[in-house]
């Protein structure tokens, strides 16, 4: 488990570092407010604008909040593996009286989907403020300068609920996505193991 968590952390760290400029450009384009009738800014204009106004460092705004988001993945996998282990133990105990070995059936995959949905809901609910902080940090020309400064400023000015703004919409997207992804993963592992 420790090895898996460490590898998960390292891969997340590497992916965030490599892709943060892309996510920054996407966020800036989404937040770009042009007057009616003006042509929206394209990715190359946004890229040039960030470089000219903020330099190379500008492409890495919000990265500290993304690093904090790695905790969501760690929490998700710890909870998921714990629920999965309990499901498998319950199934093994149920089949102890029977002579045949317990085989996989549809209920196993439904159980894994529920485990994934539950673990993702918990992890996202705990770690969600990093999403709000990251978006605020990626905004152009804002008062937000660092992860901890934003973490203290937002609740002070808008209340603690502001750190969870958009959580429901995020969960509506994340829960089915994670449930399907984890179930597919478990199915592929099962098929490869024969």
N, C-alpha and C. Protein backbone atom coordinates (compact mmCIF):
# COMPACT_ATOMS: atom_id res chain seq x y z
N UNK A 1 0.83 -1.20 0.00
CA UNK A 1 0.00 0.00 0.00
C UNK A 1 0.87 1.26 0.00
N UNK A 2 1.92 1.26 0.84
CA UNK A 2 2.80 2.43 0.90
C UNK A 2 3.44 2.71 -0.45
N UNK A 3 3.91 1.65 -1.12
CA UNK A 3 4.53 1.80 -2.44
C UNK A 3 3.55 2.40 -3.44
N UNK A 4 2.32 1.89 -3.42
CA UNK A 4 1.29 2.40 -4.33
C UNK A 4 1.01 3.87 -4.06
N UNK A 5 0.93 4.24 -2.79
CA UNK A 5 0.67 5.64 -2.44
C UNK A 5 1.83 6.53 -2.86
N UNK A 6 3.05 6.06 -2.64
CA UNK A 6 4.22 6.84 -3.02
C UNK A 6 4.27 7.03 -4.54
N UNK A 7 4.04 5.95 -5.28
CA UNK A 7 4.04 6.05 -6.74
C UNK A 7 2.91 6.96 -7.23
N UNK A 8 1.76 6.86 -6.58
CA UNK A 8 0.63 7.72 -6.93
C UNK A 8 0.99 9.19 -6.70
N UNK A 9 1.62 9.47 -5.57
CA UNK A 9 2.04 10.83 -5.26
C UNK A 9 3.06 11.33 -6.28
N UNK A 10 4.07 10.52 -6.58
CA UNK A 10 5.12 10.94 -7.51
C UNK A 10 4.58 11.14 -8.92
N UNK A 11 3.68 10.25 -9.36
CA UNK A 11 3.12 10.42 -10.70
C UNK A 11 2.23 11.66 -10.75
N UNK A 12 1.47 11.90 -9.69
CA UNK A 12 0.64 13.11 -9.62
C UNK A 12 1.49 14.37 -9.64
N UNK A 13 2.57 14.37 -8.87
CA UNK A 13 3.48 15.51 -8.80
C UNK A 13 4.07 15.80 -10.18
N UNK A 14 4.52 14.75 -10.87
CA UNK A 14 5.11 14.90 -12.19
C UNK A 14 4.09 15.41 -13.20
N UNK A 15 2.90 14.81 -13.20
CA UNK A 15 1.85 15.22 -14.14
C UNK A 15 1.44 16.68 -13.91
N UNK A 16 1.30 17.07 -12.67
CA UNK A 16 0.91 18.45 -12.36
C UNK A 16 1.97 19.43 -12.84
N UNK A 17 3.22 19.13 -12.55
CA UNK A 17 4.32 20.01 -12.94
C UNK A 17 4.36 20.15 -14.47
N UNK A 18 4.17 19.06 -15.18
CA UNK A 18 4.24 19.09 -16.64
C UNK A 18 3.03 19.76 -17.29
N UNK A 19 1.86 19.61 -16.70
CA UNK A 19 0.64 20.08 -17.38
C UNK A 19 0.05 21.37 -16.82
N UNK A 20 0.60 21.90 -15.73
CA UNK A 20 0.03 23.12 -15.15
C UNK A 20 -0.11 24.26 -16.16
N UNK A 21 0.89 24.51 -17.03
CA UNK A 21 0.71 25.58 -18.01
C UNK A 21 -0.53 25.40 -18.90
N UNK A 22 -0.83 24.17 -19.26
CA UNK A 22 -2.01 23.90 -20.09
C UNK A 22 -3.28 24.24 -19.33
N UNK A 23 -3.37 23.81 -18.06
CA UNK A 23 -4.55 24.08 -17.25
C UNK A 23 -4.69 25.56 -16.96
N UNK A 24 -3.57 26.25 -16.78
CA UNK A 24 -3.62 27.69 -16.55
C UNK A 24 -4.21 28.40 -17.77
N UNK A 25 -3.76 28.04 -18.95
CA UNK A 25 -4.28 28.65 -20.19
C UNK A 25 -5.77 28.35 -20.32
N UNK A 26 -6.18 27.12 -20.06
CA UNK A 26 -7.60 26.76 -20.13
C UNK A 26 -8.43 27.60 -19.17
N UNK A 27 -7.96 27.72 -17.93
CA UNK A 27 -8.69 28.50 -16.93
C UNK A 27 -8.77 29.97 -17.33
N UNK A 28 -7.66 30.52 -17.79
CA UNK A 28 -7.66 31.93 -18.21
C UNK A 28 -8.61 32.16 -19.38
N UNK A 29 -8.65 31.23 -20.31
CA UNK A 29 -9.57 31.37 -21.45
C UNK A 29 -11.02 31.30 -20.98
N UNK A 30 -11.30 30.43 -20.02
CA UNK A 30 -12.66 30.33 -19.49
C UNK A 30 -13.06 31.59 -18.74
N UNK A 31 -12.12 32.21 -18.07
CA UNK A 31 -12.41 33.41 -17.28
C UNK A 31 -12.31 34.70 -18.08
N UNK A 32 -11.83 34.60 -19.32
CA UNK A 32 -11.66 35.77 -20.16
C UNK A 32 -13.02 36.45 -20.38
N UNK A 33 -13.10 37.69 -19.96
CA UNK A 33 -14.37 38.41 -20.16
C UNK A 33 -14.16 39.49 -21.21
N UNK A 34 -14.65 39.22 -22.36
CA UNK A 34 -14.57 40.16 -23.47
C UNK A 34 -15.91 40.86 -23.61
N UNK A 35 -15.85 42.03 -24.19
CA UNK A 35 -17.10 42.75 -24.46
C UNK A 35 -17.88 42.04 -25.55
N UNK A 36 -19.17 42.21 -25.53
CA UNK A 36 -20.04 41.60 -26.53
C UNK A 36 -19.57 41.97 -27.93
N UNK A 37 -19.46 40.99 -28.78
CA UNK A 37 -19.05 41.23 -30.16
C UNK A 37 -17.55 41.10 -30.37
N UNK A 38 -16.76 41.14 -29.30
CA UNK A 38 -15.32 40.96 -29.44
C UNK A 38 -14.99 39.49 -29.60
N UNK A 39 -13.97 39.24 -30.38
CA UNK A 39 -13.53 37.86 -30.60
C UNK A 39 -12.87 37.33 -29.32
N UNK A 40 -13.27 36.13 -28.86
CA UNK A 40 -12.65 35.57 -27.65
C UNK A 40 -11.17 35.29 -27.87
N UNK A 41 -10.41 35.37 -26.80
CA UNK A 41 -8.98 35.11 -26.85
C UNK A 41 -8.73 33.63 -27.15
N UNK A 42 -7.82 33.35 -28.08
CA UNK A 42 -7.48 31.95 -28.35
C UNK A 42 -6.28 31.54 -27.49
N UNK A 43 -5.92 30.28 -27.56
CA UNK A 43 -4.87 29.73 -26.70
C UNK A 43 -3.52 30.41 -26.94
N UNK A 44 -3.19 30.70 -28.19
CA UNK A 44 -1.90 31.31 -28.49
C UNK A 44 -1.83 32.75 -27.98
N UNK A 45 -2.94 33.49 -28.10
CA UNK A 45 -2.99 34.85 -27.55
C UNK A 45 -2.82 34.81 -26.03
N UNK A 46 -3.49 33.86 -25.42
CA UNK A 46 -3.42 33.72 -23.97
C UNK A 46 -2.00 33.37 -23.54
N UNK A 47 -1.39 32.44 -24.25
CA UNK A 47 -0.02 32.03 -23.98
C UNK A 47 0.93 33.23 -24.05
N UNK A 48 0.81 34.00 -25.11
CA UNK A 48 1.66 35.17 -25.30
C UNK A 48 1.42 36.20 -24.19
N UNK A 49 0.16 36.41 -23.86
CA UNK A 49 -0.20 37.39 -22.83
C UNK A 49 0.38 37.01 -21.46
N UNK A 50 0.26 35.74 -21.10
CA UNK A 50 0.81 35.28 -19.82
C UNK A 50 2.32 35.49 -19.80
N UNK A 51 2.98 35.10 -20.87
CA UNK A 51 4.44 35.22 -20.93
C UNK A 51 4.88 36.68 -20.86
N UNK A 52 4.19 37.56 -21.60
CA UNK A 52 4.56 38.98 -21.63
C UNK A 52 4.30 39.68 -20.30
N UNK A 53 3.23 39.32 -19.63
CA UNK A 53 2.86 40.03 -18.39
C UNK A 53 3.42 39.39 -17.12
N UNK A 54 3.64 38.08 -17.14
CA UNK A 54 4.05 37.40 -15.91
C UNK A 54 5.34 36.60 -16.05
N UNK A 55 5.81 36.44 -17.27
CA UNK A 55 7.02 35.66 -17.49
C UNK A 55 6.75 34.17 -17.38
N UNK A 56 7.81 33.40 -17.39
CA UNK A 56 7.69 31.94 -17.32
C UNK A 56 7.02 31.48 -16.04
N UNK A 57 7.27 32.17 -14.93
CA UNK A 57 6.66 31.80 -13.64
C UNK A 57 5.14 31.88 -13.69
N UNK A 58 4.61 32.75 -14.53
CA UNK A 58 3.17 32.91 -14.63
C UNK A 58 2.45 31.63 -15.03
N UNK A 59 3.11 30.77 -15.77
CA UNK A 59 2.49 29.52 -16.22
C UNK A 59 2.32 28.51 -15.07
N UNK A 60 2.94 28.80 -13.95
CA UNK A 60 2.88 27.87 -12.83
C UNK A 60 2.05 28.41 -11.65
N UNK A 61 1.26 29.45 -11.92
CA UNK A 61 0.34 29.96 -10.89
C UNK A 61 -0.69 28.88 -10.58
N UNK A 62 -0.96 28.68 -9.32
CA UNK A 62 -1.95 27.69 -8.92
C UNK A 62 -1.40 26.29 -8.76
N UNK A 63 -0.13 26.12 -9.08
CA UNK A 63 0.44 24.77 -9.02
C UNK A 63 0.50 24.25 -7.58
N UNK A 64 0.73 25.13 -6.61
CA UNK A 64 0.77 24.68 -5.21
C UNK A 64 -0.57 24.10 -4.79
N UNK A 65 -1.66 24.69 -5.27
CA UNK A 65 -2.99 24.16 -4.96
C UNK A 65 -3.20 22.82 -5.66
N UNK A 66 -2.65 22.67 -6.85
CA UNK A 66 -2.74 21.38 -7.54
C UNK A 66 -1.97 20.31 -6.79
N UNK A 67 -0.81 20.68 -6.25
CA UNK A 67 -0.05 19.73 -5.44
C UNK A 67 -0.86 19.32 -4.21
N UNK A 68 -1.57 20.27 -3.62
CA UNK A 68 -2.43 19.95 -2.47
C UNK A 68 -3.52 18.97 -2.89
N UNK A 69 -3.93 19.03 -4.15
CA UNK A 69 -4.95 18.13 -4.67
C UNK A 69 -4.52 16.68 -4.74
N UNK A 70 -3.22 16.43 -4.68
CA UNK A 70 -2.73 15.05 -4.65
C UNK A 70 -3.29 14.33 -3.43
N UNK A 71 -3.52 15.09 -2.37
CA UNK A 71 -4.08 14.49 -1.15
C UNK A 71 -5.44 13.84 -1.43
N UNK A 72 -6.20 14.42 -2.36
CA UNK A 72 -7.50 13.84 -2.71
C UNK A 72 -7.33 12.43 -3.27
N UNK A 73 -6.35 12.26 -4.13
CA UNK A 73 -6.09 10.94 -4.72
C UNK A 73 -5.66 9.95 -3.65
N UNK A 74 -4.80 10.38 -2.76
CA UNK A 74 -4.32 9.51 -1.68
C UNK A 74 -5.49 9.09 -0.78
N UNK A 75 -6.30 10.07 -0.37
CA UNK A 75 -7.46 9.78 0.48
C UNK A 75 -8.41 8.81 -0.23
N UNK A 76 -8.66 9.08 -1.52
CA UNK A 76 -9.56 8.23 -2.31
C UNK A 76 -9.07 6.78 -2.31
N UNK A 77 -7.79 6.56 -2.60
CA UNK A 77 -7.29 5.19 -2.70
C UNK A 77 -7.25 4.49 -1.35
N UNK A 78 -6.93 5.20 -0.29
CA UNK A 78 -6.92 4.58 1.04
C UNK A 78 -8.33 4.11 1.41
N UNK A 79 -9.32 4.98 1.21
CA UNK A 79 -10.70 4.61 1.53
C UNK A 79 -11.19 3.51 0.60
N UNK A 80 -10.90 3.63 -0.70
CA UNK A 80 -11.34 2.63 -1.68
C UNK A 80 -10.79 1.25 -1.34
N UNK A 81 -9.49 1.17 -1.08
CA UNK A 81 -8.87 -0.12 -0.77
C UNK A 81 -9.44 -0.71 0.52
N UNK A 82 -9.73 0.13 1.49
CA UNK A 82 -10.32 -0.34 2.75
C UNK A 82 -11.72 -0.92 2.53
N UNK A 83 -12.55 -0.21 1.78
CA UNK A 83 -13.91 -0.69 1.49
C UNK A 83 -13.84 -1.97 0.66
N UNK A 84 -12.97 -1.97 -0.35
CA UNK A 84 -12.82 -3.15 -1.22
C UNK A 84 -12.41 -4.38 -0.41
N UNK A 85 -11.45 -4.19 0.50
CA UNK A 85 -10.99 -5.30 1.34
C UNK A 85 -12.15 -5.85 2.18
N UNK A 86 -12.95 -4.96 2.73
CA UNK A 86 -14.09 -5.40 3.55
C UNK A 86 -15.14 -6.13 2.72
N UNK A 87 -15.37 -5.67 1.51
CA UNK A 87 -16.31 -6.35 0.61
C UNK A 87 -15.82 -7.77 0.32
N UNK A 88 -14.53 -7.89 0.01
CA UNK A 88 -13.96 -9.20 -0.31
C UNK A 88 -13.95 -10.12 0.90
N UNK A 89 -13.68 -9.57 2.09
CA UNK A 89 -13.72 -10.38 3.32
C UNK A 89 -15.14 -10.86 3.60
N UNK A 90 -16.12 -10.00 3.39
CA UNK A 90 -17.52 -10.38 3.62
C UNK A 90 -17.94 -11.48 2.65
N UNK A 91 -17.49 -11.36 1.40
CA UNK A 91 -17.83 -12.38 0.41
C UNK A 91 -17.16 -13.71 0.76
N UNK A 92 -15.91 -13.66 1.19
CA UNK A 92 -15.19 -14.89 1.57
C UNK A 92 -15.87 -15.55 2.76
N UNK A 93 -16.29 -14.77 3.73
CA UNK A 93 -16.97 -15.31 4.91
C UNK A 93 -18.31 -15.93 4.53
N UNK A 94 -18.98 -15.32 3.58
CA UNK A 94 -20.28 -15.82 3.12
C UNK A 94 -20.13 -17.17 2.42
N UNK A 95 -19.01 -17.39 1.76
CA UNK A 95 -18.81 -18.62 0.99
C UNK A 95 -17.99 -19.67 1.74
N UNK A 96 -17.67 -19.43 3.00
CA UNK A 96 -16.87 -20.40 3.76
C UNK A 96 -17.61 -21.72 3.94
N UNK A 97 -18.92 -21.65 4.07
CA UNK A 97 -19.72 -22.87 4.25
C UNK A 97 -19.82 -23.68 2.96
N UNK A 98 -19.70 -22.99 1.84
CA UNK A 98 -19.82 -23.67 0.55
C UNK A 98 -18.47 -24.26 0.17
N UNK A 99 -18.51 -25.37 -0.53
CA UNK A 99 -17.25 -26.02 -0.92
C UNK A 99 -16.59 -25.35 -2.11
N UNK A 100 -17.40 -24.78 -3.00
CA UNK A 100 -16.80 -24.16 -4.18
C UNK A 100 -16.19 -22.81 -3.82
N UNK A 101 -15.22 -22.45 -4.60
CA UNK A 101 -14.53 -21.18 -4.38
C UNK A 101 -15.44 -20.05 -4.85
N UNK A 102 -15.41 -18.96 -4.13
CA UNK A 102 -16.23 -17.80 -4.51
C UNK A 102 -15.73 -17.25 -5.84
N UNK A 103 -16.63 -17.09 -6.78
CA UNK A 103 -16.24 -16.55 -8.08
C UNK A 103 -16.81 -15.14 -8.22
N UNK A 104 -16.22 -14.41 -9.14
CA UNK A 104 -16.68 -13.04 -9.39
C UNK A 104 -18.03 -13.08 -10.06
N UNK A 105 -18.90 -12.17 -9.66
CA UNK A 105 -20.18 -12.02 -10.33
C UNK A 105 -20.51 -10.53 -10.40
N UNK A 106 -21.65 -10.21 -10.97
CA UNK A 106 -22.03 -8.82 -11.18
C UNK A 106 -22.08 -8.03 -9.88
N UNK A 107 -22.46 -8.68 -8.79
CA UNK A 107 -22.55 -7.95 -7.52
C UNK A 107 -21.18 -7.46 -7.05
N UNK A 108 -20.11 -8.19 -7.42
CA UNK A 108 -18.77 -7.73 -7.06
C UNK A 108 -18.47 -6.39 -7.72
N UNK A 109 -18.84 -6.27 -8.98
CA UNK A 109 -18.55 -5.03 -9.70
C UNK A 109 -19.45 -3.89 -9.23
N UNK A 110 -20.67 -4.20 -8.87
CA UNK A 110 -21.56 -3.19 -8.29
C UNK A 110 -20.96 -2.72 -6.96
N UNK A 111 -20.48 -3.67 -6.17
CA UNK A 111 -19.82 -3.33 -4.90
C UNK A 111 -18.61 -2.45 -5.10
N UNK A 112 -17.81 -2.76 -6.13
CA UNK A 112 -16.62 -1.95 -6.41
C UNK A 112 -17.01 -0.55 -6.88
N UNK A 113 -18.09 -0.47 -7.67
CA UNK A 113 -18.57 0.85 -8.11
C UNK A 113 -19.03 1.67 -6.91
N UNK A 114 -19.74 1.03 -5.99
CA UNK A 114 -20.19 1.73 -4.79
C UNK A 114 -19.00 2.13 -3.91
N UNK A 115 -18.01 1.26 -3.83
CA UNK A 115 -16.80 1.59 -3.06
C UNK A 115 -16.09 2.80 -3.67
N UNK A 116 -16.00 2.81 -5.00
CA UNK A 116 -15.35 3.93 -5.69
C UNK A 116 -16.14 5.22 -5.50
N UNK A 117 -17.46 5.13 -5.63
CA UNK A 117 -18.31 6.32 -5.47
C UNK A 117 -18.21 6.86 -4.04
N UNK A 118 -18.25 5.97 -3.08
CA UNK A 118 -18.17 6.39 -1.67
C UNK A 118 -16.82 7.01 -1.36
N UNK A 119 -15.75 6.35 -1.79
CA UNK A 119 -14.41 6.85 -1.48
C UNK A 119 -14.14 8.18 -2.18
N UNK A 120 -14.62 8.32 -3.41
CA UNK A 120 -14.41 9.58 -4.14
C UNK A 120 -15.21 10.71 -3.51
N UNK A 121 -16.43 10.41 -3.06
CA UNK A 121 -17.24 11.43 -2.40
C UNK A 121 -16.54 11.93 -1.14
N UNK A 122 -16.04 11.01 -0.34
CA UNK A 122 -15.33 11.39 0.90
C UNK A 122 -14.07 12.20 0.57
N UNK A 123 -13.26 11.69 -0.34
CA UNK A 123 -12.00 12.34 -0.67
C UNK A 123 -12.22 13.74 -1.25
N UNK A 124 -13.17 13.85 -2.16
CA UNK A 124 -13.45 15.14 -2.78
C UNK A 124 -13.99 16.13 -1.76
N UNK A 125 -14.88 15.67 -0.91
CA UNK A 125 -15.46 16.56 0.10
C UNK A 125 -14.40 17.08 1.07
N UNK A 126 -13.43 16.25 1.39
CA UNK A 126 -12.35 16.67 2.29
C UNK A 126 -11.39 17.63 1.60
N UNK A 127 -11.01 17.31 0.37
CA UNK A 127 -9.94 18.06 -0.31
C UNK A 127 -10.43 19.16 -1.24
N UNK A 128 -11.73 19.35 -1.39
CA UNK A 128 -12.26 20.28 -2.39
C UNK A 128 -11.73 21.71 -2.31
N UNK A 129 -11.47 22.27 -1.15
CA UNK A 129 -11.00 23.66 -1.14
C UNK A 129 -9.81 23.93 -2.07
N UNK A 130 -8.98 22.92 -2.32
CA UNK A 130 -7.85 23.16 -3.23
C UNK A 130 -8.32 23.52 -4.63
N UNK A 131 -9.49 23.02 -5.05
CA UNK A 131 -10.03 23.35 -6.37
C UNK A 131 -10.36 24.84 -6.45
N UNK A 132 -11.02 25.35 -5.42
CA UNK A 132 -11.40 26.76 -5.37
C UNK A 132 -10.14 27.63 -5.32
N UNK A 133 -9.20 27.24 -4.47
CA UNK A 133 -7.95 28.00 -4.33
C UNK A 133 -7.18 28.02 -5.64
N UNK A 134 -7.10 26.88 -6.30
CA UNK A 134 -6.38 26.80 -7.57
C UNK A 134 -6.99 27.73 -8.61
N UNK A 135 -8.32 27.72 -8.71
CA UNK A 135 -8.98 28.59 -9.69
C UNK A 135 -8.71 30.05 -9.36
N UNK A 136 -8.79 30.41 -8.09
CA UNK A 136 -8.54 31.80 -7.70
C UNK A 136 -7.10 32.20 -8.02
N UNK A 137 -6.15 31.30 -7.78
CA UNK A 137 -4.75 31.60 -8.06
C UNK A 137 -4.48 31.75 -9.56
N UNK A 138 -5.23 31.04 -10.36
CA UNK A 138 -5.00 31.08 -11.81
C UNK A 138 -5.67 32.29 -12.48
N UNK A 139 -6.55 32.95 -11.76
CA UNK A 139 -7.19 34.14 -12.31
C UNK A 139 -6.14 35.21 -12.56
N UNK A 140 -6.32 35.94 -13.64
CA UNK A 140 -5.37 36.99 -13.98
C UNK A 140 -5.67 38.24 -13.16
N UNK A 141 -4.62 38.87 -12.66
CA UNK A 141 -4.76 40.15 -11.98
C UNK A 141 -5.56 40.14 -10.70
N UNK A 142 -5.48 39.07 -9.92
CA UNK A 142 -6.22 39.02 -8.67
C UNK A 142 -5.31 39.28 -7.48
N UNK A 143 -5.92 39.43 -6.34
CA UNK A 143 -5.17 39.68 -5.10
C UNK A 143 -4.56 38.42 -4.52
N UNK A 144 -4.88 37.27 -5.11
CA UNK A 144 -4.41 35.99 -4.57
C UNK A 144 -2.99 35.71 -5.05
N UNK A 145 -2.10 35.48 -4.10
CA UNK A 145 -0.68 35.33 -4.42
C UNK A 145 -0.11 33.95 -4.11
N UNK A 146 -0.62 33.29 -3.07
CA UNK A 146 -0.08 31.99 -2.69
C UNK A 146 -1.20 31.11 -2.15
N UNK A 147 -0.91 29.83 -2.01
CA UNK A 147 -1.90 28.87 -1.53
C UNK A 147 -2.44 29.28 -0.16
N UNK A 148 -1.55 29.48 0.80
CA UNK A 148 -1.99 29.77 2.17
C UNK A 148 -2.62 31.15 2.30
N UNK A 149 -2.13 32.12 1.54
CA UNK A 149 -2.73 33.45 1.56
C UNK A 149 -4.17 33.37 1.05
N UNK A 150 -4.39 32.60 -0.01
CA UNK A 150 -5.73 32.43 -0.56
C UNK A 150 -6.61 31.64 0.39
N UNK A 151 -6.03 30.61 1.01
CA UNK A 151 -6.78 29.78 1.97
C UNK A 151 -7.28 30.60 3.15
N UNK A 152 -6.55 31.61 3.55
CA UNK A 152 -7.01 32.46 4.67
C UNK A 152 -7.87 33.63 4.20
N UNK A 153 -7.59 34.17 3.02
CA UNK A 153 -8.34 35.33 2.52
C UNK A 153 -9.77 34.98 2.15
N UNK A 154 -9.97 33.88 1.44
CA UNK A 154 -11.32 33.53 0.97
C UNK A 154 -12.30 33.37 2.14
N UNK A 155 -12.00 32.57 3.16
CA UNK A 155 -12.96 32.46 4.27
C UNK A 155 -13.16 33.78 5.03
N UNK A 156 -12.07 34.55 5.16
CA UNK A 156 -12.17 35.81 5.88
C UNK A 156 -13.12 36.78 5.17
N UNK A 157 -13.06 36.82 3.84
CA UNK A 157 -13.87 37.77 3.08
C UNK A 157 -15.24 37.22 2.68
N UNK A 158 -15.33 35.90 2.46
CA UNK A 158 -16.57 35.33 1.92
C UNK A 158 -17.18 34.25 2.80
N UNK A 159 -16.52 33.88 3.88
CA UNK A 159 -16.99 32.81 4.74
C UNK A 159 -16.43 31.46 4.28
N UNK A 160 -16.47 30.49 5.18
CA UNK A 160 -15.90 29.16 4.89
C UNK A 160 -16.64 28.43 3.77
N UNK A 161 -17.92 28.73 3.61
CA UNK A 161 -18.70 28.06 2.55
C UNK A 161 -18.13 28.35 1.16
N UNK A 162 -17.46 29.48 1.02
CA UNK A 162 -16.89 29.84 -0.28
C UNK A 162 -15.83 28.83 -0.73
N UNK A 163 -15.19 28.16 0.22
CA UNK A 163 -14.19 27.15 -0.13
C UNK A 163 -14.82 25.90 -0.73
N UNK A 164 -16.14 25.78 -0.60
CA UNK A 164 -16.86 24.62 -1.14
C UNK A 164 -17.81 25.00 -2.27
N UNK A 165 -17.67 26.22 -2.78
CA UNK A 165 -18.52 26.66 -3.88
C UNK A 165 -18.24 25.80 -5.12
N UNK A 166 -19.29 25.20 -5.66
CA UNK A 166 -19.15 24.35 -6.84
C UNK A 166 -18.96 22.87 -6.52
N UNK A 167 -18.94 22.52 -5.24
CA UNK A 167 -18.70 21.12 -4.84
C UNK A 167 -19.75 20.17 -5.41
N UNK A 168 -21.01 20.53 -5.34
CA UNK A 168 -22.07 19.63 -5.82
C UNK A 168 -21.89 19.33 -7.30
N UNK A 169 -21.66 20.36 -8.09
CA UNK A 169 -21.44 20.16 -9.53
C UNK A 169 -20.22 19.29 -9.78
N UNK A 170 -19.19 19.52 -9.01
CA UNK A 170 -17.96 18.73 -9.14
C UNK A 170 -18.22 17.26 -8.82
N UNK A 171 -18.99 17.00 -7.76
CA UNK A 171 -19.32 15.62 -7.38
C UNK A 171 -20.18 14.94 -8.44
N UNK A 172 -21.11 15.68 -9.03
CA UNK A 172 -21.97 15.11 -10.08
C UNK A 172 -21.13 14.61 -11.25
N UNK A 173 -20.03 15.28 -11.52
CA UNK A 173 -19.14 14.86 -12.60
C UNK A 173 -18.18 13.77 -12.13
N UNK A 174 -17.62 13.92 -10.94
CA UNK A 174 -16.57 13.02 -10.47
C UNK A 174 -17.05 11.64 -10.05
N UNK A 175 -18.18 11.56 -9.37
CA UNK A 175 -18.62 10.27 -8.82
C UNK A 175 -18.85 9.23 -9.90
N UNK A 176 -19.68 9.51 -10.92
CA UNK A 176 -19.86 8.47 -11.96
C UNK A 176 -18.57 8.17 -12.71
N UNK A 177 -17.78 9.20 -12.98
CA UNK A 177 -16.52 9.02 -13.68
C UNK A 177 -15.60 8.07 -12.91
N UNK A 178 -15.45 8.31 -11.63
CA UNK A 178 -14.58 7.47 -10.80
C UNK A 178 -15.13 6.06 -10.64
N UNK A 179 -16.44 5.95 -10.44
CA UNK A 179 -17.05 4.62 -10.28
C UNK A 179 -16.83 3.77 -11.53
N UNK A 180 -17.03 4.36 -12.69
CA UNK A 180 -16.84 3.63 -13.96
C UNK A 180 -15.36 3.30 -14.15
N UNK A 181 -14.50 4.26 -13.88
CA UNK A 181 -13.06 4.05 -14.07
C UNK A 181 -12.53 2.93 -13.16
N UNK A 182 -12.90 2.96 -11.89
CA UNK A 182 -12.41 1.95 -10.95
C UNK A 182 -13.00 0.58 -11.24
N UNK A 183 -14.26 0.54 -11.63
CA UNK A 183 -14.88 -0.74 -11.98
C UNK A 183 -14.21 -1.33 -13.22
N UNK A 184 -13.92 -0.47 -14.19
CA UNK A 184 -13.23 -0.92 -15.40
C UNK A 184 -11.84 -1.44 -15.05
N UNK A 185 -11.15 -0.74 -14.18
CA UNK A 185 -9.83 -1.17 -13.73
C UNK A 185 -9.92 -2.56 -13.08
N UNK A 186 -10.87 -2.73 -12.17
CA UNK A 186 -11.03 -4.03 -11.48
C UNK A 186 -11.38 -5.13 -12.48
N UNK A 187 -12.20 -4.83 -13.46
CA UNK A 187 -12.58 -5.81 -14.48
C UNK A 187 -11.37 -6.22 -15.31
N UNK A 188 -10.56 -5.25 -15.73
CA UNK A 188 -9.37 -5.56 -16.52
C UNK A 188 -8.39 -6.40 -15.70
N UNK A 189 -8.17 -6.04 -14.44
CA UNK A 189 -7.28 -6.83 -13.57
C UNK A 189 -7.80 -8.25 -13.43
N UNK A 190 -9.10 -8.39 -13.22
CA UNK A 190 -9.72 -9.71 -13.09
C UNK A 190 -9.52 -10.53 -14.36
N UNK A 191 -9.75 -9.91 -15.51
CA UNK A 191 -9.61 -10.64 -16.79
C UNK A 191 -8.16 -11.02 -17.06
N UNK A 192 -7.23 -10.15 -16.72
CA UNK A 192 -5.81 -10.45 -16.94
C UNK A 192 -5.30 -11.56 -16.02
N UNK A 193 -5.89 -11.65 -14.84
CA UNK A 193 -5.50 -12.70 -13.90
C UNK A 193 -6.17 -14.04 -14.21
N UNK A 194 -7.04 -14.03 -15.18
CA UNK A 194 -7.66 -15.27 -15.65
C UNK A 194 -8.76 -15.72 -14.79
